[in-house]
Structures are given as C-alpha cells and as structure tokens.
Amino acid sequence: MTEGGAGGGFSLDNPALESIGVRITQWRPDYVELELPVTSSMLNRSRVIHGGTICTLLDAATGYAGLFSPPGEVARHAVTLSLTSNFLSNGTGSVLTAKGIVDRRGRSIFFSRAEVWLDQELLVATGVATMKYLR
C-alpha cells in the first residue's frame, strides 16, 4: 500500500471498505488511523451505530496497522485469525475514527489493538486481534 490519491491520502485497495466510505488518514509503521463518515444506513433499529460497522473498523484498523509498506515496496496482506471486540458506548454522530497499533510482530503473525471513536469525543469500542501475513 502506498501513498496516493488527491490530498496525499493512502490507497486502501480494499473494495469492501471503500464501498462504505472508509479512508486512511494516517499510516506509518505499526500505526493507522481510519475514518468513516456515519450514514443512516449504518444505524440499527435503536438508531445507534450498528455493532457490525464498528467491528468492521476494528478489524480494518488492527489489520492495516501491520500492513504499512513504504512507497515503492511490495504491498503487504494479512488475514484475521482472531478478533475480540469490546463495546463501551453507543450513539450517533458524524464520523467514526479507528486507531490501530501493532503490539508485537513475528515473521508470519502479528498482534494488534484498536480503538473506535465517535466524533473524536466518545470511545465506543476497543479490540485486539491476531493477524497472519499472507505470502
């Protein structure tokens, strides 16, 4: 994955995430920040953000945190082996921000964690993951 696009953003190269509006706002070794504008289609029947949307962001942030490669290098890919999510709060707002951090990296597996924030004010969920690099 390399820098690209208007405004110096990063390419997700992920149709599923792109289709819901996720974008990378910060990306460096062992760290990523993702943003997702909240739309009415992301709300559940209680009119708060659906847990599946939040889990999608946790999964993406824990994964992309370990996938940074500098411009010109081969893109890295991984699959999720385990994802544990903790829902701390709920609500509605304008933007979800997910922050992912790698805690430990091996040759083929890495361990990472993430937080999802609503409008940079409300911590709605945390997660930890075990990821496996694809060769």
N, C-alpha and C. Protein backbone atom coordinates (compact mmCIF):
# COMPACT_ATOMS: atom_id res chain seq x y z
N MET A 1 0.85 -1.17 0.00
CA MET A 1 0.00 0.00 0.00
C MET A 1 0.89 1.23 0.00
N THR A 2 0.55 2.14 -0.81
CA THR A 2 1.39 3.33 -0.93
C THR A 2 0.54 4.58 -0.89
N GLU A 3 1.23 5.69 -0.72
CA GLU A 3 0.52 6.97 -0.76
C GLU A 3 -0.04 7.19 -2.15
N GLY A 4 -1.15 7.90 -2.20
CA GLY A 4 -1.73 8.19 -3.50
C GLY A 4 -3.01 8.95 -3.33
N GLY A 5 -3.60 9.30 -4.44
CA GLY A 5 -4.88 9.99 -4.40
C GLY A 5 -4.75 11.46 -4.12
N ALA A 6 -5.85 12.16 -4.27
CA ALA A 6 -5.86 13.59 -4.03
C ALA A 6 -5.61 13.89 -2.56
N GLY A 7 -4.89 14.93 -2.29
CA GLY A 7 -4.65 15.36 -0.92
C GLY A 7 -3.64 14.52 -0.18
N GLY A 8 -2.87 13.66 -0.90
CA GLY A 8 -1.82 12.89 -0.24
C GLY A 8 -2.35 11.76 0.61
N GLY A 9 -3.55 11.28 0.35
CA GLY A 9 -4.11 10.18 1.11
C GLY A 9 -3.46 8.86 0.77
N PHE A 10 -3.94 7.80 1.35
CA PHE A 10 -3.41 6.47 1.14
C PHE A 10 -4.46 5.61 0.46
N SER A 11 -4.00 4.67 -0.32
CA SER A 11 -4.89 3.75 -1.01
C SER A 11 -5.23 2.57 -0.11
N LEU A 12 -6.52 2.33 0.10
CA LEU A 12 -6.96 1.15 0.84
C LEU A 12 -6.77 -0.11 0.02
N ASP A 13 -7.05 -0.02 -1.28
CA ASP A 13 -7.02 -1.17 -2.17
C ASP A 13 -7.90 -2.30 -1.60
N ASN A 14 -9.09 -1.93 -1.11
CA ASN A 14 -9.99 -2.86 -0.45
C ASN A 14 -11.43 -2.49 -0.82
N PRO A 15 -12.01 -3.17 -1.81
CA PRO A 15 -13.35 -2.81 -2.27
C PRO A 15 -14.42 -2.79 -1.18
N ALA A 16 -14.35 -3.72 -0.23
CA ALA A 16 -15.36 -3.76 0.83
C ALA A 16 -15.32 -2.49 1.68
N LEU A 17 -14.13 -2.08 2.10
CA LEU A 17 -14.01 -0.88 2.92
C LEU A 17 -14.30 0.38 2.12
N GLU A 18 -13.83 0.41 0.88
CA GLU A 18 -14.08 1.57 0.03
C GLU A 18 -15.57 1.76 -0.22
N SER A 19 -16.32 0.66 -0.35
CA SER A 19 -17.75 0.75 -0.67
C SER A 19 -18.57 1.40 0.44
N ILE A 20 -18.05 1.37 1.68
CA ILE A 20 -18.79 2.01 2.78
C ILE A 20 -18.22 3.38 3.14
N GLY A 21 -17.12 3.77 2.48
CA GLY A 21 -16.58 5.11 2.68
C GLY A 21 -15.39 5.23 3.61
N VAL A 22 -14.77 4.12 3.98
CA VAL A 22 -13.59 4.17 4.85
C VAL A 22 -12.42 4.78 4.08
N ARG A 23 -11.65 5.61 4.79
CA ARG A 23 -10.41 6.13 4.20
C ARG A 23 -9.33 6.17 5.27
N ILE A 24 -8.10 6.03 4.81
CA ILE A 24 -6.93 6.09 5.69
C ILE A 24 -6.51 7.56 5.81
N THR A 25 -6.40 8.05 7.04
CA THR A 25 -5.96 9.43 7.25
C THR A 25 -4.52 9.52 7.75
N GLN A 26 -4.04 8.48 8.44
CA GLN A 26 -2.65 8.42 8.89
C GLN A 26 -2.20 6.97 8.76
N TRP A 27 -0.96 6.79 8.32
CA TRP A 27 -0.43 5.43 8.19
C TRP A 27 1.08 5.48 8.23
N ARG A 28 1.64 4.74 9.15
CA ARG A 28 3.08 4.61 9.28
C ARG A 28 3.35 3.23 9.89
N PRO A 29 4.60 2.82 9.99
CA PRO A 29 4.86 1.50 10.56
C PRO A 29 4.19 1.34 11.94
N ASP A 30 3.44 0.27 12.08
CA ASP A 30 2.78 -0.13 13.33
C ASP A 30 1.65 0.79 13.78
N TYR A 31 1.14 1.65 12.90
CA TYR A 31 0.06 2.55 13.28
C TYR A 31 -0.78 2.94 12.06
N VAL A 32 -2.10 3.03 12.28
CA VAL A 32 -3.01 3.51 11.24
C VAL A 32 -4.17 4.24 11.89
N GLU A 33 -4.70 5.23 11.18
CA GLU A 33 -5.97 5.85 11.54
C GLU A 33 -6.88 5.80 10.33
N LEU A 34 -8.11 5.36 10.56
CA LEU A 34 -9.12 5.26 9.53
C LEU A 34 -10.29 6.14 9.91
N GLU A 35 -10.96 6.72 8.91
CA GLU A 35 -12.18 7.49 9.16
C GLU A 35 -13.32 6.94 8.33
N LEU A 36 -14.50 7.00 8.91
CA LEU A 36 -15.71 6.57 8.23
C LEU A 36 -16.83 7.55 8.54
N PRO A 37 -17.30 8.29 7.54
CA PRO A 37 -18.46 9.16 7.77
C PRO A 37 -19.69 8.30 8.08
N VAL A 38 -20.43 8.69 9.09
CA VAL A 38 -21.62 7.94 9.51
C VAL A 38 -22.78 8.30 8.58
N THR A 39 -23.46 7.27 8.09
CA THR A 39 -24.66 7.46 7.28
C THR A 39 -25.84 6.76 7.95
N SER A 40 -27.04 7.10 7.54
CA SER A 40 -28.24 6.49 8.15
C SER A 40 -28.29 4.99 7.92
N SER A 41 -27.64 4.49 6.87
CA SER A 41 -27.65 3.05 6.62
C SER A 41 -26.78 2.27 7.60
N MET A 42 -26.02 2.95 8.45
CA MET A 42 -25.17 2.30 9.44
C MET A 42 -25.83 2.18 10.80
N LEU A 43 -27.07 2.67 10.91
CA LEU A 43 -27.76 2.65 12.20
C LEU A 43 -28.57 1.36 12.34
N ASN A 44 -28.70 0.89 13.57
CA ASN A 44 -29.53 -0.28 13.84
C ASN A 44 -30.96 0.16 14.18
N ARG A 45 -31.78 -0.76 14.60
CA ARG A 45 -33.18 -0.41 14.87
C ARG A 45 -33.36 0.50 16.08
N SER A 46 -32.32 0.61 16.93
CA SER A 46 -32.34 1.55 18.05
C SER A 46 -31.82 2.93 17.63
N ARG A 47 -31.46 3.06 16.36
CA ARG A 47 -30.95 4.30 15.78
C ARG A 47 -29.60 4.74 16.34
N VAL A 48 -28.78 3.74 16.70
CA VAL A 48 -27.38 3.98 17.05
C VAL A 48 -26.53 3.18 16.05
N ILE A 49 -25.26 3.47 15.99
CA ILE A 49 -24.39 2.82 15.01
C ILE A 49 -24.33 1.31 15.27
N HIS A 50 -24.58 0.56 14.23
CA HIS A 50 -24.63 -0.89 14.29
C HIS A 50 -23.27 -1.47 14.69
N GLY A 51 -23.28 -2.46 15.55
CA GLY A 51 -22.05 -3.10 16.01
C GLY A 51 -21.22 -3.70 14.89
N GLY A 52 -21.88 -4.15 13.83
CA GLY A 52 -21.14 -4.71 12.69
C GLY A 52 -20.27 -3.67 12.00
N THR A 53 -20.76 -2.44 11.94
CA THR A 53 -19.97 -1.36 11.36
C THR A 53 -18.75 -1.09 12.23
N ILE A 54 -18.95 -1.09 13.53
CA ILE A 54 -17.85 -0.86 14.46
C ILE A 54 -16.83 -2.00 14.39
N CYS A 55 -17.31 -3.25 14.32
CA CYS A 55 -16.40 -4.40 14.20
C CYS A 55 -15.61 -4.35 12.90
N THR A 56 -16.25 -3.89 11.84
CA THR A 56 -15.54 -3.75 10.56
C THR A 56 -14.36 -2.79 10.73
N LEU A 57 -14.58 -1.69 11.42
CA LEU A 57 -13.50 -0.73 11.65
C LEU A 57 -12.41 -1.30 12.56
N LEU A 58 -12.81 -2.04 13.60
CA LEU A 58 -11.82 -2.66 14.48
C LEU A 58 -10.95 -3.63 13.69
N ASP A 59 -11.58 -4.46 12.86
CA ASP A 59 -10.86 -5.43 12.06
C ASP A 59 -9.90 -4.73 11.08
N ALA A 60 -10.40 -3.70 10.41
CA ALA A 60 -9.57 -2.98 9.45
C ALA A 60 -8.39 -2.29 10.15
N ALA A 61 -8.63 -1.64 11.26
CA ALA A 61 -7.56 -0.91 11.96
C ALA A 61 -6.51 -1.86 12.53
N THR A 62 -6.93 -2.97 13.12
CA THR A 62 -5.95 -3.90 13.65
C THR A 62 -5.13 -4.52 12.53
N GLY A 63 -5.75 -4.72 11.37
CA GLY A 63 -5.02 -5.29 10.23
C GLY A 63 -4.10 -4.29 9.56
N TYR A 64 -4.65 -3.15 9.16
CA TYR A 64 -3.83 -2.17 8.44
C TYR A 64 -2.68 -1.63 9.29
N ALA A 65 -2.80 -1.67 10.60
CA ALA A 65 -1.69 -1.23 11.46
C ALA A 65 -0.42 -2.01 11.16
N GLY A 66 -0.56 -3.26 10.77
CA GLY A 66 0.60 -4.10 10.49
C GLY A 66 0.95 -4.23 9.02
N LEU A 67 0.27 -3.48 8.16
CA LEU A 67 0.47 -3.66 6.71
C LEU A 67 1.19 -2.53 6.01
N PHE A 68 1.61 -1.51 6.74
CA PHE A 68 2.28 -0.39 6.08
C PHE A 68 3.53 -0.87 5.34
N SER A 69 3.71 -0.39 4.13
CA SER A 69 4.96 -0.58 3.40
C SER A 69 5.28 0.75 2.71
N PRO A 70 6.53 1.17 2.77
CA PRO A 70 6.91 2.45 2.17
C PRO A 70 6.65 2.48 0.67
N PRO A 71 6.46 3.67 0.11
CA PRO A 71 6.27 3.79 -1.33
C PRO A 71 7.36 3.05 -2.10
N GLY A 72 6.95 2.31 -3.12
CA GLY A 72 7.89 1.56 -3.94
C GLY A 72 8.12 0.13 -3.48
N GLU A 73 7.71 -0.20 -2.26
CA GLU A 73 7.87 -1.58 -1.78
C GLU A 73 6.58 -2.36 -2.04
N VAL A 74 6.69 -3.67 -2.01
CA VAL A 74 5.56 -4.55 -2.27
C VAL A 74 4.51 -4.40 -1.16
N ALA A 75 3.25 -4.31 -1.56
CA ALA A 75 2.15 -4.21 -0.59
C ALA A 75 2.08 -5.49 0.25
N ARG A 76 1.78 -5.33 1.53
CA ARG A 76 1.62 -6.47 2.42
C ARG A 76 0.13 -6.78 2.55
N HIS A 77 -0.16 -8.05 2.83
CA HIS A 77 -1.53 -8.51 3.02
C HIS A 77 -1.57 -9.43 4.22
N ALA A 78 -2.73 -9.48 4.89
CA ALA A 78 -2.89 -10.35 6.05
C ALA A 78 -4.34 -10.78 6.17
N VAL A 79 -4.55 -11.82 6.95
CA VAL A 79 -5.90 -12.27 7.28
C VAL A 79 -6.05 -12.27 8.80
N THR A 80 -7.27 -12.12 9.24
CA THR A 80 -7.57 -12.10 10.67
C THR A 80 -7.70 -13.52 11.19
N LEU A 81 -6.93 -13.85 12.22
CA LEU A 81 -7.07 -15.15 12.88
C LEU A 81 -8.02 -15.06 14.06
N SER A 82 -7.98 -13.92 14.75
CA SER A 82 -8.83 -13.73 15.92
C SER A 82 -9.08 -12.24 16.12
N LEU A 83 -10.32 -11.90 16.46
CA LEU A 83 -10.67 -10.51 16.76
C LEU A 83 -11.61 -10.51 17.95
N THR A 84 -11.22 -9.83 19.01
CA THR A 84 -12.06 -9.69 20.18
C THR A 84 -12.48 -8.23 20.27
N SER A 85 -13.78 -8.00 20.40
CA SER A 85 -14.28 -6.63 20.45
C SER A 85 -14.95 -6.37 21.80
N ASN A 86 -14.82 -5.14 22.25
CA ASN A 86 -15.44 -4.68 23.49
C ASN A 86 -16.21 -3.40 23.18
N PHE A 87 -17.52 -3.47 23.35
CA PHE A 87 -18.36 -2.30 23.09
C PHE A 87 -18.52 -1.52 24.40
N LEU A 88 -18.09 -0.27 24.39
CA LEU A 88 -18.05 0.54 25.60
C LEU A 88 -19.17 1.55 25.68
N SER A 89 -19.65 2.00 24.53
CA SER A 89 -20.70 3.01 24.49
C SER A 89 -21.36 2.93 23.12
N ASN A 90 -22.45 3.68 22.94
CA ASN A 90 -23.09 3.73 21.63
C ASN A 90 -23.64 5.13 21.40
N GLY A 91 -24.03 5.36 20.17
CA GLY A 91 -24.58 6.67 19.87
C GLY A 91 -24.60 6.92 18.38
N THR A 92 -24.89 8.15 18.05
CA THR A 92 -24.84 8.60 16.66
C THR A 92 -23.98 9.85 16.61
N GLY A 93 -23.47 10.11 15.45
CA GLY A 93 -22.62 11.27 15.26
C GLY A 93 -22.27 11.38 13.80
N SER A 94 -21.19 12.09 13.51
CA SER A 94 -20.81 12.37 12.13
C SER A 94 -19.72 11.45 11.59
N VAL A 95 -18.70 11.17 12.41
CA VAL A 95 -17.54 10.44 11.90
C VAL A 95 -17.04 9.45 12.95
N LEU A 96 -16.77 8.23 12.48
CA LEU A 96 -16.08 7.23 13.30
C LEU A 96 -14.60 7.26 12.93
N THR A 97 -13.74 7.23 13.93
CA THR A 97 -12.30 7.18 13.72
C THR A 97 -11.75 5.95 14.42
N ALA A 98 -11.04 5.12 13.68
CA ALA A 98 -10.42 3.92 14.24
C ALA A 98 -8.91 4.12 14.26
N LYS A 99 -8.30 3.80 15.40
CA LYS A 99 -6.85 3.92 15.57
C LYS A 99 -6.29 2.55 15.90
N GLY A 100 -5.39 2.05 15.04
CA GLY A 100 -4.82 0.73 15.22
C GLY A 100 -3.33 0.79 15.50
N ILE A 101 -2.87 -0.10 16.39
CA ILE A 101 -1.47 -0.14 16.82
C ILE A 101 -1.01 -1.60 16.87
N VAL A 102 0.17 -1.88 16.34
CA VAL A 102 0.77 -3.20 16.46
C VAL A 102 1.48 -3.28 17.81
N ASP A 103 1.16 -4.33 18.58
CA ASP A 103 1.82 -4.55 19.87
C ASP A 103 3.06 -5.43 19.75
N ARG A 104 2.97 -6.42 18.87
CA ARG A 104 4.09 -7.35 18.70
C ARG A 104 4.01 -7.97 17.31
N ARG A 105 5.18 -8.16 16.72
CA ARG A 105 5.24 -8.70 15.36
C ARG A 105 6.22 -9.86 15.31
N GLY A 106 5.80 -10.93 14.63
CA GLY A 106 6.70 -12.05 14.35
C GLY A 106 6.92 -12.14 12.85
N ARG A 107 7.48 -13.27 12.41
CA ARG A 107 7.73 -13.44 10.96
C ARG A 107 6.44 -13.58 10.18
N SER A 108 5.45 -14.29 10.75
CA SER A 108 4.23 -14.53 9.99
C SER A 108 2.96 -14.07 10.71
N ILE A 109 3.06 -13.74 11.97
CA ILE A 109 1.89 -13.34 12.77
C ILE A 109 2.20 -12.04 13.49
N PHE A 110 1.17 -11.18 13.61
CA PHE A 110 1.33 -10.00 14.45
C PHE A 110 0.09 -9.82 15.32
N PHE A 111 0.29 -9.13 16.42
CA PHE A 111 -0.76 -8.87 17.40
C PHE A 111 -0.97 -7.36 17.46
N SER A 112 -2.23 -6.96 17.39
CA SER A 112 -2.52 -5.53 17.35
C SER A 112 -3.79 -5.22 18.13
N ARG A 113 -4.01 -3.92 18.34
CA ARG A 113 -5.20 -3.47 19.05
C ARG A 113 -5.73 -2.22 18.38
N ALA A 114 -6.98 -1.90 18.67
CA ALA A 114 -7.59 -0.72 18.05
C ALA A 114 -8.64 -0.11 18.97
N GLU A 115 -8.90 1.17 18.72
CA GLU A 115 -9.99 1.90 19.37
C GLU A 115 -10.84 2.53 18.28
N VAL A 116 -12.14 2.61 18.52
CA VAL A 116 -13.03 3.33 17.61
C VAL A 116 -13.68 4.46 18.40
N TRP A 117 -13.54 5.68 17.86
CA TRP A 117 -14.04 6.90 18.48
C TRP A 117 -15.15 7.50 17.62
N LEU A 118 -16.15 8.07 18.27
CA LEU A 118 -17.23 8.77 17.59
C LEU A 118 -16.99 10.27 17.76
N ASP A 119 -16.83 10.96 16.63
CA ASP A 119 -16.59 12.41 16.62
C ASP A 119 -15.43 12.82 17.51
N GLN A 120 -14.42 11.98 17.61
CA GLN A 120 -13.20 12.25 18.39
C GLN A 120 -13.46 12.49 19.88
N GLU A 121 -14.68 12.20 20.36
CA GLU A 121 -15.03 12.51 21.75
C GLU A 121 -15.43 11.28 22.55
N LEU A 122 -16.10 10.33 21.91
CA LEU A 122 -16.68 9.20 22.62
C LEU A 122 -16.01 7.91 22.17
N LEU A 123 -15.34 7.22 23.11
CA LEU A 123 -14.74 5.93 22.82
C LEU A 123 -15.87 4.89 22.80
N VAL A 124 -16.17 4.34 21.62
CA VAL A 124 -17.29 3.42 21.51
C VAL A 124 -16.89 1.96 21.58
N ALA A 125 -15.63 1.63 21.19
CA ALA A 125 -15.22 0.23 21.22
C ALA A 125 -13.70 0.10 21.20
N THR A 126 -13.24 -1.03 21.71
CA THR A 126 -11.84 -1.41 21.61
C THR A 126 -11.79 -2.84 21.10
N GLY A 127 -10.64 -3.21 20.59
CA GLY A 127 -10.49 -4.57 20.10
C GLY A 127 -9.03 -4.99 20.09
N VAL A 128 -8.82 -6.30 20.14
CA VAL A 128 -7.49 -6.88 19.99
C VAL A 128 -7.58 -7.97 18.94
N ALA A 129 -6.50 -8.13 18.19
CA ALA A 129 -6.52 -9.09 17.09
C ALA A 129 -5.20 -9.82 16.95
N THR A 130 -5.31 -11.00 16.38
CA THR A 130 -4.16 -11.77 15.93
C THR A 130 -4.30 -11.88 14.42
N MET A 131 -3.26 -11.47 13.70
CA MET A 131 -3.29 -11.43 12.24
C MET A 131 -2.17 -12.28 11.68
N LYS A 132 -2.40 -12.85 10.51
CA LYS A 132 -1.39 -13.66 9.84
C LYS A 132 -1.08 -13.04 8.49
N TYR A 133 0.22 -12.80 8.25
CA TYR A 133 0.64 -12.29 6.96
C TYR A 133 0.42 -13.34 5.88
N LEU A 134 0.02 -12.90 4.71
CA LEU A 134 -0.06 -13.78 3.55
C LEU A 134 1.24 -13.67 2.78
N ARG A 135 1.67 -14.74 2.25
CA ARG A 135 2.94 -14.74 1.49
C ARG A 135 2.66 -14.69 0.02
